[in-house]
Amino acid sequence: MSPTSPTTSPVSSAFPGHGSVTFLGAGPGDPGLLTLRAVEALSGADVLIAEPEVLEVVRCHARTGVSTPELTVVDEASTTAGVPVLRDATNLVMEAARGGKRVVRAVTGDPGLDGNAGQEMLACAAEGIPFEVVPGVATAVGVPAYAGVPLRDAQGTDVRFVDARTADDRCWSEVGASDGTVVVSTSLDAVAAAAGELVAAGRKPDTPLTVTIGGTTTRQRTWNATLGTIAQVFKQGKVLPSPEGHRPVIAVVGERSAPAQRDQLAWFESKPLFGWRVLVPRTKEQAASLSDQLRSYGAVPHEVPTIAVEPPRTPQQMERAVKGLVTGRYEWIAFTSVNAVKAVREKFEEYGLDARAFAGIKVAAVGEQTAAALVDFGVKPDLVPSGEQSAAGLLEDWPPYDPVFDPIDRVFLPRADIATETLVAGLIELGWEVDDVTAYRTVRASPPPADTREAIKGGGFDAVLFTSSSTVRNLVGIAGKPHNVTVIACIGPATAKTAEEHGLRVDVLSPEPSVHKLAEALAAFGTRRREAALEAGDPVTRPSERRPGARRRRTT
């Protein structure tokens, strides 16, 4: 049994009728770094007050309808510099808490290192408003970990943390006189000045330095240099001047940040598809597990539906089949897609039925995603292909009709209007009668937003995953042909042939007709591409960075 946390209940439960505040650390940017307690607190919030940088990280864990008042910028100097320094949070927090609301105040990193959060805690204490603190991964610790820069070694190196925006001469003198690791929080355009302060305070110009921007996100980028060369590295690499010069960075100074070590320890940025924008021509529901897999490789998936699902033009056939399920007409029902599950489920709900109507009926699913949709409906499939996840794979495992063991010889097959006849023909050959019913129609989806269409045609995507011939035809039809720098990955030979017919160069072919094997094949392609660049001594770049003018438009 798991140990019980002393903070598992909302803090306001001990004070009936009162509001409460949870000061929550959202970490440096990776949503996966939120703690279990943070997710629990967010799920019970009435009001969520979050810094803009972490709002999207935390909002997905809040309940539907949670109030998210916007923090405004009231610091004029910061407004000019483009840095949102937030000073009205205390008023928002106190007003909501006084009204009896459960408030979650989310800050970047850890609230214990956020001076504004400390002031807000004091305001709560002064008015007797109950509050709790949920620590988060501190940015100054989390970012170096993702950059492959250990802060200490076996000898127990001294570590100092400095905020360059508030550091005074005494602070610089102390860290300059130390030979330990220094972690500096600063901005991209102020890194060289911070390096100069350390050199002036006594640090050697050849002391190793790493600078990381966008830490713990797929926008992360790290530069290796020394205190004396960082300005030149930024100039030669055309990193600065940049309109993004105000963006926060973490600089690590000391031997632990040496490039020789980082080459071995940079686990995050060396992922096979790190930072790649990958177009997935499926709906969010269909692409969920595939997108998760792509994220595990470091990619940024972007779902674009290429088909829309509509009810059949004549629903009577579907209505008769669903009634036949209840009256015992069928021995089997076979689902060949998530959409088929959805169509039957909607018809069940229309008739006031639920998963119990499947009692006594054997259920088959063409693959893992379809099986998962059935489980979500409350139905455990009796048959899922042990090999290829396709109609052919399902037929490989489907038992022939046996009049001794099978009291009924009929199969209900709810499918799309454009489905192939492979499964029907195979089941008939095995001795089964098949009711092949149009459960839904597939039509071409509406075009994606203009910026997505421009990214597709202009080379803004690094790769496209085509999971069927129809996704090729529909994507080209609604959004245009992908740019020739974009890596084209296809699920099988038929899809690849369709892509080539549309003038696309196929770079990756899945070894099996499975979306997950397709993602694996793309990751393997990315690994080979990365290794080839390193072997040639070239910088590792994304495919989209090869298009004309990409260097200027690149976001770090």
Protein backbone atom coordinates (compact mmCIF):
# COMPACT_ATOMS: atom_id res chain seq x y z
CA MET A 1 0.00 0.00 0.00
CA SER A 2 1.32 3.46 -0.93
CA PRO A 3 2.14 5.84 1.93
CA THR A 4 -0.43 8.58 2.48
CA SER A 5 0.63 12.18 1.96
CA PRO A 6 -0.25 14.58 4.79
CA THR A 7 -1.35 17.13 2.15
CA THR A 8 -3.68 14.97 0.05
CA SER A 9 -6.81 16.84 1.16
CA PRO A 10 -7.48 20.44 0.05
CA VAL A 11 -6.16 22.82 2.68
CA SER A 12 -9.53 24.57 2.85
CA SER A 13 -11.24 21.42 4.19
CA ALA A 14 -9.89 22.20 7.67
CA PHE A 15 -11.48 25.67 7.49
CA PRO A 16 -15.12 25.30 6.33
CA GLY A 17 -16.48 28.42 4.70
CA HIS A 18 -13.05 29.91 4.10
CA GLY A 19 -11.08 30.24 0.91
CA SER A 20 -7.56 28.88 0.66
CA VAL A 21 -4.46 29.31 -1.48
CA THR A 22 -2.05 26.72 -2.79
CA PHE A 23 1.27 28.18 -3.92
CA LEU A 24 2.43 25.74 -6.55
CA GLY A 25 5.75 25.30 -8.34
CA ALA A 26 5.14 24.44 -12.00
CA GLY A 27 8.78 23.64 -12.74
CA PRO A 28 10.95 24.98 -15.58
CA GLY A 29 8.58 24.13 -18.47
CA ASP A 30 8.32 20.38 -19.03
CA PRO A 31 4.73 19.42 -18.04
CA GLY A 32 6.03 16.02 -16.93
CA LEU A 33 7.89 17.63 -14.03
CA LEU A 34 4.72 18.58 -12.15
CA THR A 35 4.44 16.65 -8.88
CA LEU A 36 1.55 14.35 -8.01
CA ARG A 37 0.48 16.81 -5.31
CA ALA A 38 0.51 19.65 -7.84
CA VAL A 39 -1.81 17.75 -10.19
CA GLU A 40 -4.14 16.93 -7.30
CA ALA A 41 -4.27 20.55 -6.14
CA LEU A 42 -4.98 21.78 -9.67
CA SER A 43 -7.89 19.34 -10.08
CA GLY A 44 -9.64 20.92 -7.08
CA ALA A 45 -9.01 24.58 -7.89
CA ASP A 46 -11.86 27.08 -8.30
CA VAL A 47 -9.45 29.80 -9.44
CA LEU A 48 -6.11 29.31 -11.20
CA ILE A 49 -3.72 32.26 -11.19
CA ALA A 50 -0.62 31.37 -13.20
CA GLU A 51 2.28 33.17 -14.78
CA PRO A 52 1.88 33.24 -18.59
CA GLU A 53 4.95 31.04 -19.07
CA VAL A 54 3.39 28.12 -17.18
CA LEU A 55 -0.33 28.62 -17.75
CA GLU A 56 -0.55 25.94 -20.46
CA VAL A 57 1.56 23.56 -18.35
CA VAL A 58 -0.93 23.65 -15.46
CA ARG A 59 -4.29 24.48 -17.06
CA CYS A 60 -4.77 21.01 -18.59
CA HIS A 61 -4.90 19.53 -15.06
CA ALA A 62 -7.58 21.94 -13.83
CA ARG A 63 -11.25 21.07 -14.03
CA THR A 64 -13.50 22.39 -16.78
CA GLY A 65 -14.79 25.86 -15.98
CA VAL A 66 -11.96 26.87 -13.65
CA SER A 67 -11.53 30.65 -13.55
CA THR A 68 -8.17 31.85 -14.90
CA PRO A 69 -7.90 35.62 -14.33
CA GLU A 70 -5.14 37.15 -16.43
CA LEU A 71 -2.08 38.65 -14.81
CA THR A 72 -1.27 42.06 -16.25
CA VAL A 73 2.03 43.85 -16.61
CA VAL A 74 2.28 46.98 -14.52
CA ASP A 75 6.07 47.44 -14.49
CA GLU A 76 6.79 50.02 -17.21
CA ALA A 77 10.48 49.17 -17.60
CA SER A 78 9.66 45.50 -18.02
CA THR A 79 6.97 46.30 -20.56
CA THR A 80 9.55 48.15 -22.66
CA ALA A 81 11.95 45.21 -22.45
CA GLY A 82 9.21 42.70 -23.24
CA VAL A 83 9.58 40.93 -19.89
CA PRO A 84 6.27 40.42 -18.06
CA VAL A 85 7.02 41.27 -14.41
CA LEU A 86 3.80 40.53 -12.55
CA ARG A 87 2.81 42.70 -9.62
CA ASP A 88 -0.97 42.45 -9.45
CA ALA A 89 -1.04 38.77 -8.46
CA THR A 90 -1.44 39.53 -4.74
CA ASN A 91 -4.69 41.43 -5.33
CA LEU A 92 -6.09 38.65 -7.51
CA VAL A 93 -5.11 35.94 -5.02
CA MET A 94 -6.53 37.77 -1.99
CA GLU A 95 -9.77 38.77 -3.69
CA ALA A 96 -10.52 35.18 -4.74
CA ALA A 97 -9.55 33.72 -1.34
CA ARG A 98 -11.69 36.25 0.52
CA GLY A 99 -14.60 35.09 -1.62
CA GLY A 100 -14.25 31.55 -0.30
CA LYS A 101 -12.56 30.14 -3.40
CA ARG A 102 -9.88 27.46 -3.56
CA VAL A 103 -7.06 29.31 -5.29
CA VAL A 104 -4.01 27.80 -6.96
CA ARG A 105 -1.20 30.28 -7.57
CA ALA A 106 1.25 28.71 -10.02
CA VAL A 107 4.75 30.09 -10.54
CA THR A 108 7.66 29.04 -12.72
CA GLY A 109 10.14 26.76 -10.97
CA ASP A 110 9.71 26.61 -7.19
CA PRO A 111 7.62 29.07 -5.10
CA GLY A 112 10.30 29.14 -2.39
CA LEU A 113 12.66 30.81 -4.86
CA ASP A 114 10.05 33.29 -6.09
CA GLY A 115 10.14 36.55 -4.14
CA ASN A 116 6.68 37.60 -5.29
CA ALA A 117 5.17 34.33 -4.04
CA GLY A 118 6.79 34.99 -0.65
CA GLN A 119 5.08 38.38 -0.44
CA GLU A 120 1.73 36.80 -1.36
CA MET A 121 2.18 34.17 1.39
CA LEU A 122 2.76 36.94 3.94
CA ALA A 123 -0.41 38.69 2.76
CA CYS A 124 -2.38 35.45 3.31
CA ALA A 125 -0.85 35.01 6.76
CA ALA A 126 -1.73 38.60 7.72
CA GLU A 127 -5.42 38.02 6.95
CA GLY A 128 -5.58 34.52 8.39
CA ILE A 129 -6.20 32.89 5.00
CA PRO A 130 -5.02 29.25 5.09
CA PHE A 131 -2.38 28.39 2.50
CA GLU A 132 -0.03 25.58 1.58
CA VAL A 133 3.12 25.35 -0.55
CA VAL A 134 3.67 22.67 -3.18
CA PRO A 135 7.36 22.76 -4.17
CA GLY A 136 8.36 22.44 -7.80
CA VAL A 137 11.55 21.63 -9.67
CA ALA A 138 13.63 24.80 -9.45
CA THR A 139 14.60 26.18 -12.86
CA ALA A 140 18.23 26.62 -11.80
CA VAL A 141 18.40 22.89 -10.99
CA GLY A 142 16.08 21.37 -13.61
CA VAL A 143 17.53 23.13 -16.66
CA PRO A 144 21.15 22.00 -16.11
CA ALA A 145 19.86 18.44 -15.54
CA TYR A 146 18.14 18.50 -18.95
CA ALA A 147 21.22 20.09 -20.55
CA GLY A 148 23.46 17.26 -19.32
CA VAL A 149 25.38 19.49 -16.92
CA PRO A 150 25.87 17.98 -13.44
CA LEU A 151 26.29 20.62 -10.76
CA ARG A 152 28.30 18.51 -8.32
CA ASP A 153 30.75 15.60 -8.47
CA ALA A 154 31.92 12.90 -6.08
CA GLN A 155 34.19 15.40 -4.34
CA GLY A 156 31.17 17.46 -3.28
CA THR A 157 31.76 20.59 -5.33
CA ASP A 158 30.44 23.84 -3.86
CA VAL A 159 27.45 25.21 -5.85
CA ARG A 160 26.38 28.87 -5.84
CA PHE A 161 23.19 30.26 -7.37
CA VAL A 162 23.14 33.82 -8.68
CA ASP A 163 20.33 35.92 -10.17
CA ALA A 164 22.20 38.34 -12.41
CA ARG A 165 19.29 40.81 -12.36
CA THR A 166 19.66 41.46 -8.62
CA ALA A 167 23.32 40.54 -7.94
CA ASP A 168 25.46 43.31 -6.46
CA ASP A 169 29.25 43.79 -6.42
CA ARG A 170 29.62 41.83 -3.20
CA CYS A 171 27.77 38.87 -4.70
CA TRP A 172 29.96 38.82 -7.81
CA SER A 173 33.10 39.11 -5.67
CA GLU A 174 32.10 36.11 -3.56
CA VAL A 175 31.35 33.81 -6.49
CA GLY A 176 34.35 35.11 -8.41
CA ALA A 177 36.65 34.15 -5.54
CA SER A 178 35.14 30.64 -5.36
CA ASP A 179 36.31 27.73 -7.51
CA GLY A 180 32.94 25.97 -7.25
CA THR A 181 30.10 25.72 -9.75
CA VAL A 182 28.11 28.91 -10.34
CA VAL A 183 24.56 28.73 -11.74
CA VAL A 184 23.55 32.10 -13.15
CA SER A 185 19.94 33.02 -13.98
CA THR A 186 20.01 35.76 -16.58
CA SER A 187 18.77 36.65 -20.08
CA LEU A 188 20.27 35.75 -23.42
CA ASP A 189 21.55 39.25 -24.17
CA ALA A 190 23.00 39.65 -20.64
CA VAL A 191 25.08 36.44 -20.57
CA ALA A 192 28.26 38.13 -21.81
CA ALA A 193 27.92 40.86 -19.18
CA ALA A 194 27.53 38.24 -16.42
CA ALA A 195 30.61 36.41 -17.75
CA GLY A 196 32.51 39.70 -17.65
CA GLU A 197 31.49 40.26 -14.02
CA LEU A 198 32.85 36.83 -13.07
CA VAL A 199 36.15 37.40 -14.88
CA ALA A 200 36.51 40.83 -13.27
CA ALA A 201 35.87 39.17 -9.88
CA GLY A 202 38.69 36.67 -10.38
CA ARG A 203 37.40 33.76 -12.44
CA LYS A 204 39.78 32.67 -15.23
CA PRO A 205 38.59 33.53 -18.78
CA ASP A 206 39.10 29.90 -19.86
CA THR A 207 36.60 28.59 -17.27
CA PRO A 208 34.03 26.37 -19.09
CA LEU A 209 30.53 27.76 -19.52
CA THR A 210 27.25 26.36 -20.83
CA VAL A 211 24.24 28.51 -21.66
CA THR A 212 20.77 26.93 -22.03
CA ILE A 213 17.65 28.61 -23.38
CA GLY A 214 14.15 27.07 -23.39
CA GLY A 215 15.34 24.53 -20.81
CA THR A 216 13.31 21.30 -20.32
CA THR A 217 11.18 22.02 -23.41
CA THR A 218 11.61 20.90 -27.00
CA ARG A 219 12.81 24.45 -27.77
CA GLN A 220 15.86 23.85 -25.57
CA ARG A 221 19.24 24.80 -27.01
CA THR A 222 22.62 24.79 -25.29
CA TRP A 223 25.87 26.51 -26.23
CA ASN A 224 29.32 25.49 -24.99
CA ALA A 225 31.94 28.20 -24.50
CA THR A 226 34.18 29.77 -21.84
CA LEU A 227 33.76 32.95 -19.85
CA GLY A 228 36.14 34.66 -22.25
CA THR A 229 34.66 33.37 -25.52
CA ILE A 230 30.88 33.40 -24.99
CA ALA A 231 30.39 36.83 -26.60
CA GLN A 232 32.30 35.68 -29.70
CA VAL A 233 30.41 32.37 -29.85
CA PHE A 234 27.08 34.23 -29.87
CA LYS A 235 28.33 36.66 -32.52
CA GLN A 236 29.74 33.99 -34.84
CA GLY A 237 26.64 31.84 -34.43
CA LYS A 238 24.39 34.86 -35.14
CA VAL A 239 22.61 34.16 -31.88
CA LEU A 240 22.73 37.85 -31.03
CA PRO A 241 21.52 40.43 -31.67
CA SER A 242 18.05 38.89 -31.58
CA PRO A 243 14.51 40.06 -30.79
CA GLU A 244 14.48 37.16 -28.31
CA GLY A 245 17.43 38.54 -26.37
CA HIS A 246 15.20 39.11 -23.33
CA ARG A 247 14.41 35.39 -22.99
CA PRO A 248 15.64 33.79 -19.74
CA VAL A 249 18.62 31.44 -19.78
CA ILE A 250 20.53 29.37 -17.25
CA ALA A 251 24.32 29.61 -17.45
CA VAL A 252 26.50 27.08 -15.61
CA VAL A 253 30.08 28.11 -14.89
CA GLY A 254 32.72 25.56 -13.83
CA GLU A 255 34.46 22.34 -14.77
CA ARG A 256 31.25 20.31 -14.43
CA SER A 257 29.89 22.10 -17.51
CA ALA A 258 32.89 21.16 -19.68
CA PRO A 259 31.90 20.25 -23.28
CA ALA A 260 33.69 16.87 -23.05
CA GLN A 261 31.30 15.85 -20.26
CA ARG A 262 28.23 17.33 -21.90
CA ASP A 263 28.80 15.35 -25.10
CA GLN A 264 28.25 12.19 -23.04
CA LEU A 265 25.53 13.49 -20.71
CA ALA A 266 23.26 15.58 -22.99
CA TRP A 267 20.48 12.97 -22.86
CA PHE A 268 17.61 15.33 -23.70
CA GLU A 269 18.89 17.24 -26.72
CA SER A 270 20.30 14.02 -28.22
CA LYS A 271 16.87 12.38 -28.54
CA PRO A 272 16.39 11.13 -32.13
CA LEU A 273 13.72 13.68 -33.15
CA PHE A 274 14.59 16.46 -30.71
CA GLY A 275 12.73 19.64 -31.60
CA TRP A 276 11.28 18.19 -34.84
CA ARG A 277 7.83 19.51 -35.74
CA VAL A 278 6.02 16.40 -36.96
CA LEU A 279 2.72 16.65 -38.79
CA VAL A 280 0.28 13.88 -37.88
CA PRO A 281 -2.67 13.89 -40.31
CA ARG A 282 -5.19 12.52 -37.80
CA THR A 283 -7.60 13.87 -35.22
CA LYS A 284 -6.37 14.43 -31.66
CA GLU A 285 -8.42 11.43 -30.47
CA GLN A 286 -6.95 9.12 -33.12
CA ALA A 287 -3.41 10.46 -32.71
CA ALA A 288 -3.20 10.47 -28.90
CA SER A 289 -0.92 7.47 -28.36
CA LEU A 290 1.07 8.20 -31.53
CA SER A 291 1.68 11.80 -30.43
CA ASP A 292 2.79 10.58 -27.00
CA GLN A 293 5.27 8.24 -28.69
CA LEU A 294 6.64 11.07 -30.85
CA ARG A 295 7.07 13.26 -27.76
CA SER A 296 9.11 10.49 -26.14
CA TYR A 297 11.53 10.88 -29.07
CA GLY A 298 11.73 14.66 -28.45
CA ALA A 299 9.38 15.65 -31.27
CA VAL A 300 6.61 18.27 -31.26
CA PRO A 301 3.55 16.58 -32.84
CA HIS A 302 0.98 18.71 -34.63
CA GLU A 303 -2.33 16.97 -35.38
CA VAL A 304 -4.21 17.98 -38.54
CA PRO A 305 -7.41 16.03 -39.32
CA THR A 306 -7.62 15.12 -43.02
CA ILE A 307 -10.97 13.36 -42.81
CA ALA A 308 -14.20 14.15 -41.03
CA VAL A 309 -16.64 11.50 -39.87
CA GLU A 310 -20.35 11.84 -40.60
CA PRO A 311 -23.37 9.55 -40.00
CA PRO A 312 -24.45 7.25 -42.85
CA ARG A 313 -26.91 8.72 -45.35
CA THR A 314 -29.40 5.95 -44.59
CA PRO A 315 -29.25 5.03 -40.88
CA GLN A 316 -31.87 2.24 -41.04
CA GLN A 317 -29.31 -0.52 -41.75
CA MET A 318 -27.26 0.50 -38.69
CA GLU A 319 -30.39 0.67 -36.53
CA ARG A 320 -31.44 -2.88 -37.55
CA ALA A 321 -27.96 -4.23 -36.83
CA VAL A 322 -27.81 -2.67 -33.33
CA LYS A 323 -31.23 -4.13 -32.54
CA GLY A 324 -29.91 -7.47 -33.82
CA LEU A 325 -27.10 -7.28 -31.24
CA VAL A 326 -29.67 -7.11 -28.46
CA THR A 327 -31.91 -9.87 -29.85
CA GLY A 328 -29.05 -12.38 -30.34
CA ARG A 329 -28.67 -12.24 -34.12
CA TYR A 330 -24.84 -12.26 -34.02
CA GLU A 331 -22.07 -14.50 -32.71
CA TRP A 332 -19.37 -11.86 -33.34
CA ILE A 333 -18.99 -8.12 -33.81
CA ALA A 334 -15.75 -6.90 -35.40
CA PHE A 335 -14.47 -3.34 -35.00
CA THR A 336 -11.93 -2.18 -37.58
CA SER A 337 -11.39 1.38 -36.28
CA VAL A 338 -11.87 3.73 -33.36
CA ASN A 339 -14.53 5.51 -35.43
CA ALA A 340 -16.53 2.27 -35.71
CA VAL A 341 -16.47 1.94 -31.92
CA LYS A 342 -17.60 5.55 -31.61
CA ALA A 343 -20.44 5.06 -34.11
CA VAL A 344 -21.83 2.00 -32.30
CA ARG A 345 -21.41 3.66 -28.91
CA GLU A 346 -23.38 6.72 -30.06
CA LYS A 347 -26.16 4.49 -31.40
CA PHE A 348 -26.24 2.60 -28.08
CA GLU A 349 -26.57 5.87 -26.17
CA GLU A 350 -29.37 6.93 -28.50
CA TYR A 351 -31.29 3.77 -27.52
CA GLY A 352 -30.38 3.98 -23.83
CA LEU A 353 -28.07 0.94 -24.04
CA ASP A 354 -24.64 0.42 -22.53
CA ALA A 355 -21.80 -2.12 -22.67
CA ARG A 356 -24.01 -4.79 -21.05
CA ALA A 357 -25.71 -5.22 -24.44
CA PHE A 358 -22.53 -7.04 -25.59
CA ALA A 359 -23.18 -9.88 -23.13
CA GLY A 360 -22.88 -13.25 -24.90
CA ILE A 361 -21.34 -11.72 -28.04
CA LYS A 362 -17.70 -12.20 -28.99
CA VAL A 363 -15.92 -8.93 -29.78
CA ALA A 364 -12.95 -8.47 -32.13
CA ALA A 365 -10.76 -5.38 -32.55
CA VAL A 366 -8.37 -4.79 -35.44
CA GLY A 367 -5.59 -3.35 -33.26
CA GLU A 368 -4.47 -1.84 -29.98
CA GLN A 369 -6.06 1.60 -30.45
CA THR A 370 -9.42 0.13 -31.37
CA ALA A 371 -9.16 -2.25 -28.42
CA ALA A 372 -8.40 0.68 -26.11
CA ALA A 373 -11.52 2.50 -27.36
CA LEU A 374 -13.59 -0.60 -26.56
CA VAL A 375 -12.09 -0.89 -23.07
CA ASP A 376 -12.97 2.78 -22.51
CA PHE A 377 -16.55 1.84 -23.50
CA GLY A 378 -16.49 -0.96 -20.91
CA VAL A 379 -15.94 -3.85 -23.34
CA LYS A 380 -12.93 -6.19 -23.23
CA PRO A 381 -12.21 -7.57 -26.74
CA ASP A 382 -12.07 -11.35 -27.12
CA LEU A 383 -9.81 -11.15 -30.17
CA VAL A 384 -7.02 -8.70 -31.09
CA PRO A 385 -4.48 -9.67 -33.78
CA SER A 386 -1.34 -11.22 -32.31
CA GLY A 387 0.65 -10.14 -35.36
CA GLU A 388 -0.07 -7.45 -37.95
CA GLN A 389 -2.66 -4.93 -36.76
CA SER A 390 -4.81 -4.92 -39.88
CA ALA A 391 -7.75 -6.74 -41.46
CA ALA A 392 -5.31 -9.37 -42.75
CA GLY A 393 -3.84 -9.79 -39.25
CA LEU A 394 -7.31 -10.17 -37.78
CA LEU A 395 -8.16 -12.90 -40.31
CA GLU A 396 -4.96 -14.76 -39.40
CA ASP A 397 -6.33 -15.29 -35.87
CA TRP A 398 -10.06 -15.51 -36.64
CA PRO A 399 -11.50 -19.00 -35.99
CA PRO A 400 -13.42 -20.75 -38.80
CA TYR A 401 -17.14 -21.24 -38.28
CA ASP A 402 -17.86 -24.49 -36.45
CA PRO A 403 -21.57 -25.49 -36.31
CA VAL A 404 -20.89 -27.63 -33.23
CA PHE A 405 -19.37 -24.84 -31.10
CA ASP A 406 -20.89 -21.75 -32.74
CA PRO A 407 -24.68 -21.56 -32.26
CA ILE A 408 -24.90 -18.55 -34.62
CA ASP A 409 -23.00 -18.13 -37.89
CA ARG A 410 -23.34 -14.36 -38.32
CA VAL A 411 -20.85 -11.48 -37.84
CA PHE A 412 -21.77 -7.79 -37.48
CA LEU A 413 -19.16 -5.61 -39.19
CA PRO A 414 -19.75 -1.83 -38.63
CA ARG A 415 -17.41 0.02 -40.98
CA ALA A 416 -16.72 3.13 -43.04
CA ASP A 417 -18.39 3.65 -46.38
CA ILE A 418 -15.02 3.40 -48.18
CA ALA A 419 -13.68 0.29 -46.40
CA THR A 420 -12.02 -2.45 -48.48
CA GLU A 421 -13.55 -5.91 -48.88
CA THR A 422 -10.56 -7.86 -47.48
CA LEU A 423 -12.16 -8.68 -44.14
CA VAL A 424 -15.61 -9.51 -45.55
CA ALA A 425 -14.17 -11.90 -48.15
CA GLY A 426 -11.91 -13.55 -45.58
CA LEU A 427 -14.74 -14.12 -43.08
CA ILE A 428 -16.98 -15.63 -45.76
CA GLU A 429 -14.13 -17.96 -46.73
CA LEU A 430 -13.94 -19.05 -43.07
CA GLY A 431 -17.63 -20.00 -43.25
CA TRP A 432 -19.23 -16.96 -41.62
CA GLU A 433 -22.20 -14.90 -42.79
CA VAL A 434 -21.38 -11.18 -42.63
CA ASP A 435 -23.66 -8.18 -42.15
CA ASP A 436 -21.38 -5.50 -43.65
CA VAL A 437 -22.97 -2.29 -42.36
CA THR A 438 -22.01 1.33 -43.11
CA ALA A 439 -21.67 2.79 -39.60
CA TYR A 440 -20.19 6.12 -40.70
CA ARG A 441 -19.03 8.04 -43.75
CA THR A 442 -15.62 9.59 -44.21
CA VAL A 443 -15.41 12.94 -45.98
CA ARG A 444 -12.51 15.29 -46.56
CA ALA A 445 -11.93 17.57 -43.59
CA SER A 446 -11.97 21.35 -43.72
CA PRO A 447 -8.62 23.03 -44.49
CA PRO A 448 -6.39 23.71 -41.47
CA PRO A 449 -5.64 27.31 -40.40
CA ALA A 450 -3.65 29.50 -42.80
CA ASP A 451 -0.46 29.40 -40.71
CA THR A 452 -0.52 25.59 -40.73
CA ARG A 453 -1.01 25.50 -44.51
CA GLU A 454 1.89 27.92 -44.93
CA ALA A 455 4.10 25.78 -42.68
CA ILE A 456 3.25 22.66 -44.71
CA LYS A 457 4.03 24.25 -48.06
CA GLY A 458 6.90 26.43 -46.81
CA GLY A 459 8.93 23.75 -45.05
CA GLY A 460 7.95 24.64 -41.49
CA PHE A 461 7.44 20.97 -40.62
CA ASP A 462 10.36 18.59 -40.26
CA ALA A 463 8.38 15.44 -41.06
CA VAL A 464 4.94 14.20 -42.06
CA LEU A 465 3.56 10.79 -41.07
CA PHE A 466 1.20 9.36 -43.70
CA THR A 467 -0.88 6.51 -42.27
CA SER A 468 -2.92 5.70 -45.41
CA SER A 469 -3.27 6.65 -49.05
CA SER A 470 -6.33 8.73 -48.20
CA THR A 471 -4.30 10.85 -45.74
CA VAL A 472 -1.89 11.68 -48.59
CA ARG A 473 -4.65 12.65 -51.01
CA ASN A 474 -6.65 14.57 -48.42
CA LEU A 475 -3.72 16.48 -46.92
CA VAL A 476 -2.52 17.61 -50.35
CA GLY A 477 -6.12 18.49 -51.21
CA ILE A 478 -6.84 20.61 -48.13
CA ALA A 479 -3.42 22.08 -47.38
CA GLY A 480 -1.09 21.65 -50.36
CA LYS A 481 2.00 19.54 -50.98
CA PRO A 482 4.65 19.38 -48.23
CA HIS A 483 7.92 21.20 -48.97
CA ASN A 484 10.77 19.12 -50.38
CA VAL A 485 12.88 19.51 -47.21
CA THR A 486 10.17 17.80 -45.16
CA VAL A 487 10.85 14.14 -44.36
CA ILE A 488 8.03 11.97 -45.72
CA ALA A 489 7.26 8.81 -43.72
CA CYS A 490 4.71 6.27 -44.99
CA ILE A 491 3.04 3.33 -43.26
CA GLY A 492 3.33 0.91 -46.18
CA PRO A 493 4.07 0.44 -49.91
CA ALA A 494 0.56 1.43 -51.07
CA THR A 495 0.73 4.70 -49.12
CA ALA A 496 4.26 5.33 -50.40
CA LYS A 497 3.09 4.78 -53.99
CA THR A 498 0.31 7.34 -53.52
CA ALA A 499 2.80 9.83 -52.05
CA GLU A 500 5.15 9.38 -55.01
CA GLU A 501 2.22 9.85 -57.41
CA HIS A 502 1.71 13.23 -55.75
CA GLY A 503 5.33 14.19 -56.38
CA LEU A 504 6.63 13.46 -52.87
CA ARG A 505 9.97 11.82 -52.09
CA VAL A 506 9.44 9.02 -49.57
CA ASP A 507 12.25 8.96 -47.00
CA VAL A 508 10.92 6.49 -44.43
CA LEU A 509 8.88 3.32 -44.91
CA SER A 510 7.48 1.46 -41.91
CA PRO A 511 8.58 -2.20 -41.73
CA GLU A 512 5.04 -3.12 -40.62
CA PRO A 513 1.62 -1.49 -41.21
CA SER A 514 1.50 -0.04 -37.68
CA VAL A 515 1.49 3.63 -36.71
CA HIS A 516 3.83 2.89 -33.81
CA LYS A 517 6.28 1.03 -36.06
CA LEU A 518 6.08 4.02 -38.40
CA ALA A 519 7.04 6.38 -35.56
CA GLU A 520 9.89 4.02 -34.61
CA ALA A 521 11.13 4.06 -38.20
CA LEU A 522 11.10 7.87 -38.25
CA ALA A 523 13.06 7.93 -34.96
CA ALA A 524 15.62 5.53 -36.44
CA PHE A 525 15.93 7.84 -39.47
CA GLY A 526 16.49 10.80 -37.14
CA THR A 527 19.18 8.86 -35.23
CA ARG A 528 21.06 8.00 -38.44
CA ARG A 529 20.83 11.60 -39.59
CA ARG A 530 22.18 12.88 -36.28
CA GLU A 531 25.04 10.38 -36.20
CA ALA A 532 26.03 11.27 -39.77
CA ALA A 533 26.20 14.98 -38.89
CA LEU A 534 28.33 14.33 -35.80
CA GLU A 535 30.66 12.02 -37.72
CA ALA A 536 31.15 14.69 -40.39
CA GLY A 537 31.77 17.34 -37.74
CA ASP A 538 28.66 19.26 -38.80
CA PRO A 539 26.13 20.85 -36.44
CA VAL A 540 23.03 18.76 -35.80
CA THR A 541 20.10 20.55 -37.47
CA ARG A 542 16.46 19.79 -38.13
CA PRO A 543 15.28 19.23 -41.73
CA SER A 544 13.27 22.47 -41.63
CA GLU A 545 16.48 24.44 -40.95
CA ARG A 546 17.75 23.57 -44.43
CA ARG A 547 15.14 25.60 -46.27
CA PRO A 548 16.17 29.02 -47.68
CA GLY A 549 16.05 31.70 -44.99
CA ALA A 550 15.36 29.21 -42.20
CA ARG A 551 18.28 30.42 -40.11
CA ARG A 552 16.77 33.89 -39.88
CA ARG A 553 13.31 32.67 -38.92
CA ARG A 554 14.49 29.98 -36.53
CA THR A 555 13.19 30.11 -32.95
CA THR A 556 15.66 28.88 -30.39
